[in-house]
Amino acid sequence: HPAVLKDLIAQYEALTLLGAEESTPGAQQRLADISYTLCVATGTRDVDMALIAARHRLSGARPEDDSLLQEPAPAGTGSAA
């Protein structure tokens, strides 16, 4: 759901801006939990890719469009529209 993705991105950005990676164990755990949830929600295994995928989904792209996560097909292999 877009509202959930927006909230997760906002929380992740706030925690990273506040330096949660080097903060209290509680803040570190919260950042780890949000990172994990972003990955699960976007079907990725890396938080950077999860953020890209989440932002891509929020920008109005089709939810099943994972073109940012795949290598482009070699030239001449696509189907004609």
Protein backbone atom coordinates (compact mmCIF):
# COMPACT_ATOMS: atom_id res chain seq x y z
CA HIS A 1 0.00 0.00 0.00
CA PRO A 2 1.42 3.42 -0.92
CA ALA A 3 0.79 4.92 2.52
CA VAL A 4 2.81 2.14 4.16
CA LEU A 5 5.70 2.59 1.73
CA LYS A 6 5.70 6.37 2.28
CA ASP A 7 5.79 5.86 6.04
CA LEU A 8 8.60 3.30 5.86
CA ILE A 9 10.69 5.56 3.63
CA ALA A 10 10.11 8.53 5.93
CA GLN A 11 11.07 6.53 9.02
CA TYR A 12 14.17 5.10 7.32
CA GLU A 13 15.30 8.55 6.16
CA ALA A 14 14.70 10.09 9.59
CA LEU A 15 16.65 7.38 11.39
CA THR A 16 19.57 7.56 8.97
CA LEU A 17 19.68 11.36 9.23
CA LEU A 18 19.79 11.06 13.01
CA GLY A 19 22.66 8.58 12.77
CA ALA A 20 20.81 5.54 14.07
CA GLU A 21 23.56 3.26 12.72
CA GLU A 22 25.87 4.62 15.42
CA SER A 23 23.23 5.34 18.07
CA THR A 24 21.55 3.32 20.79
CA PRO A 25 20.82 -0.39 20.34
CA GLY A 26 17.11 0.45 20.21
CA ALA A 27 17.56 2.90 17.34
CA GLN A 28 19.80 0.44 15.52
CA GLN A 29 17.18 -2.29 15.91
CA ARG A 30 14.41 0.03 14.67
CA LEU A 31 16.48 0.89 11.59
CA ALA A 32 17.16 -2.81 10.97
CA ASP A 33 13.44 -3.60 11.33
CA ILE A 34 12.42 -0.85 8.92
CA SER A 35 15.10 -1.92 6.44
CA TYR A 36 13.87 -5.52 6.59
CA THR A 37 10.24 -4.46 6.16
CA LEU A 38 11.12 -2.31 3.15
CA CYS A 39 12.90 -5.27 1.58
CA VAL A 40 9.96 -7.59 2.19
CA ALA A 41 7.44 -5.04 0.92
CA THR A 42 9.38 -4.48 -2.29
CA GLY A 43 10.63 -8.01 -2.90
CA THR A 44 14.28 -7.02 -2.67
CA ARG A 45 17.18 -8.15 -0.49
CA ASP A 46 19.09 -4.89 -0.19
CA VAL A 47 17.80 -1.74 1.50
CA ASP A 48 19.18 0.53 -1.24
CA MET A 49 17.30 -1.44 -3.89
CA ALA A 50 14.24 -1.49 -1.63
CA LEU A 51 14.28 2.30 -1.42
CA ILE A 52 14.61 2.59 -5.21
CA ALA A 53 11.77 0.13 -5.74
CA ALA A 54 9.53 1.81 -3.16
CA ARG A 55 10.09 5.27 -4.64
CA HIS A 56 9.50 3.87 -8.12
CA ARG A 57 6.17 2.40 -7.02
CA LEU A 58 5.15 5.66 -5.37
CA SER A 59 5.97 7.65 -8.50
CA GLY A 60 2.97 6.12 -10.27
CA ALA A 61 4.63 3.18 -11.98
CA ARG A 62 2.65 -0.02 -12.33
CA PRO A 63 3.09 -2.07 -9.12
CA GLU A 64 4.32 -5.07 -11.09
CA ASP A 65 6.88 -3.01 -13.06
CA ASP A 66 10.27 -4.15 -11.81
CA SER A 67 12.25 -2.70 -14.70
CA LEU A 68 14.60 -0.90 -12.32
CA LEU A 69 15.51 -4.18 -10.70
CA GLN A 70 16.34 -6.18 -13.83
CA GLU A 71 19.07 -5.95 -16.41
CA PRO A 72 17.83 -4.62 -19.75
CA ALA A 73 17.17 -7.18 -22.47
CA PRO A 74 19.73 -7.31 -25.28
CA ALA A 75 18.89 -5.13 -28.28
CA GLY A 76 16.58 -6.76 -30.77
CA THR A 77 15.01 -9.25 -28.34
CA GLY A 78 11.94 -7.21 -27.38
CA SER A 79 8.55 -7.79 -28.93
CA ALA A 80 6.97 -5.27 -31.26
CA ALA A 81 4.01 -3.35 -29.86
